[in-house]
Amino acid sequence: MERLVSKSDDEYLRKIDGMVESIKEAKNEPIEKGVKLDELDW
């Protein structure tokens, strides 16, 4: 399911140095390297 990102979320993330590149790199990682939401350290 695709989550809609508000313009303010997009603008905020783009202001963080290196965030866009990090998201692009993560998007290309194999799913096997992923973690479940309950495994994330929030």
N, C-alpha and C. Protein backbone atom coordinates (compact mmCIF):
# COMPACT_ATOMS: atom_id res chain seq x y z
N MET A 1 0.85 -1.18 0.00
CA MET A 1 0.00 0.00 0.00
C MET A 1 0.89 1.24 0.00
N GLU A 2 0.56 2.18 -0.83
CA GLU A 2 1.35 3.40 -0.95
C GLU A 2 0.82 4.47 0.00
N ARG A 3 1.70 5.09 0.74
CA ARG A 3 1.30 6.14 1.68
C ARG A 3 1.48 7.48 1.00
N LEU A 4 0.47 8.30 1.09
CA LEU A 4 0.58 9.64 0.55
C LEU A 4 1.41 10.49 1.50
N VAL A 5 2.35 11.23 0.96
CA VAL A 5 3.22 12.08 1.76
C VAL A 5 2.79 13.52 1.53
N SER A 6 2.55 14.21 2.63
CA SER A 6 2.14 15.60 2.48
C SER A 6 3.32 16.44 2.01
N LYS A 7 3.00 17.56 1.42
CA LYS A 7 4.05 18.44 0.92
C LYS A 7 4.98 18.87 2.07
N SER A 8 4.42 19.10 3.24
CA SER A 8 5.27 19.52 4.36
C SER A 8 6.23 18.39 4.78
N ASP A 9 5.78 17.12 4.72
CA ASP A 9 6.67 16.00 5.03
C ASP A 9 7.81 15.95 4.02
N ASP A 10 7.46 16.10 2.75
CA ASP A 10 8.45 16.06 1.68
C ASP A 10 9.46 17.19 1.85
N GLU A 11 8.98 18.37 2.09
CA GLU A 11 9.88 19.51 2.27
C GLU A 11 10.80 19.31 3.47
N TYR A 12 10.25 18.79 4.56
CA TYR A 12 11.03 18.54 5.78
C TYR A 12 12.16 17.54 5.50
N LEU A 13 11.80 16.41 4.85
CA LEU A 13 12.81 15.38 4.59
C LEU A 13 13.89 15.87 3.65
N ARG A 14 13.52 16.66 2.67
CA ARG A 14 14.50 17.17 1.70
C ARG A 14 15.49 18.15 2.35
N LYS A 15 15.11 18.76 3.47
CA LYS A 15 16.00 19.71 4.16
C LYS A 15 17.07 19.01 4.99
N ILE A 16 16.87 17.73 5.29
CA ILE A 16 17.84 16.98 6.10
C ILE A 16 18.97 16.52 5.18
N ASP A 17 20.17 16.95 5.49
CA ASP A 17 21.34 16.65 4.67
C ASP A 17 21.50 15.14 4.48
N GLY A 18 21.51 14.70 3.24
CA GLY A 18 21.74 13.30 2.92
C GLY A 18 20.50 12.42 2.95
N MET A 19 19.35 12.97 3.34
CA MET A 19 18.15 12.14 3.49
C MET A 19 17.66 11.60 2.16
N VAL A 20 17.62 12.43 1.13
CA VAL A 20 17.12 11.98 -0.18
C VAL A 20 17.99 10.83 -0.70
N GLU A 21 19.29 10.98 -0.60
CA GLU A 21 20.20 9.93 -1.07
C GLU A 21 20.00 8.65 -0.26
N SER A 22 19.82 8.78 1.04
CA SER A 22 19.62 7.63 1.90
C SER A 22 18.33 6.88 1.53
N ILE A 23 17.27 7.61 1.25
CA ILE A 23 16.00 6.99 0.87
C ILE A 23 16.15 6.27 -0.47
N LYS A 24 16.84 6.90 -1.41
CA LYS A 24 17.05 6.27 -2.71
C LYS A 24 17.86 4.98 -2.57
N GLU A 25 18.89 5.00 -1.74
CA GLU A 25 19.71 3.80 -1.53
C GLU A 25 18.89 2.70 -0.87
N ALA A 26 18.12 3.05 0.13
CA ALA A 26 17.30 2.06 0.84
C ALA A 26 16.26 1.44 -0.07
N LYS A 27 15.72 2.24 -0.96
CA LYS A 27 14.71 1.76 -1.90
C LYS A 27 15.25 0.66 -2.79
N ASN A 28 16.54 0.69 -3.07
CA ASN A 28 17.15 -0.30 -3.96
C ASN A 28 17.71 -1.53 -3.24
N GLU A 29 17.60 -1.57 -1.91
CA GLU A 29 18.09 -2.73 -1.17
C GLU A 29 17.13 -3.90 -1.33
N PRO A 30 17.66 -5.12 -1.33
CA PRO A 30 16.78 -6.30 -1.40
C PRO A 30 15.86 -6.37 -0.17
N ILE A 31 14.66 -6.85 -0.36
CA ILE A 31 13.68 -6.94 0.72
C ILE A 31 14.20 -7.81 1.87
N GLU A 32 15.08 -8.75 1.58
CA GLU A 32 15.63 -9.63 2.60
C GLU A 32 16.43 -8.87 3.65
N LYS A 33 16.91 -7.68 3.30
CA LYS A 33 17.68 -6.87 4.24
C LYS A 33 16.79 -6.01 5.12
N GLY A 34 15.49 -6.02 4.83
CA GLY A 34 14.55 -5.17 5.57
C GLY A 34 14.26 -5.70 6.96
N VAL A 35 13.62 -4.86 7.76
CA VAL A 35 13.18 -5.25 9.10
C VAL A 35 11.70 -4.94 9.25
N LYS A 36 11.07 -5.64 10.17
CA LYS A 36 9.65 -5.39 10.44
C LYS A 36 9.52 -4.12 11.28
N LEU A 37 8.36 -3.49 11.18
CA LEU A 37 8.14 -2.24 11.92
C LEU A 37 8.39 -2.40 13.41
N ASP A 38 8.00 -3.54 13.98
CA ASP A 38 8.18 -3.73 15.42
C ASP A 38 9.65 -3.95 15.81
N GLU A 39 10.51 -4.09 14.83
CA GLU A 39 11.94 -4.24 15.09
C GLU A 39 12.69 -2.91 15.04
N LEU A 40 12.01 -1.86 14.59
CA LEU A 40 12.67 -0.55 14.50
C LEU A 40 12.83 0.08 15.89
N ASP A 41 13.92 0.76 16.06
CA ASP A 41 14.19 1.46 17.32
C ASP A 41 13.72 2.90 17.18
N TRP A 42 12.47 3.16 17.54
CA TRP A 42 11.90 4.49 17.42
C TRP A 42 12.42 5.29 18.56
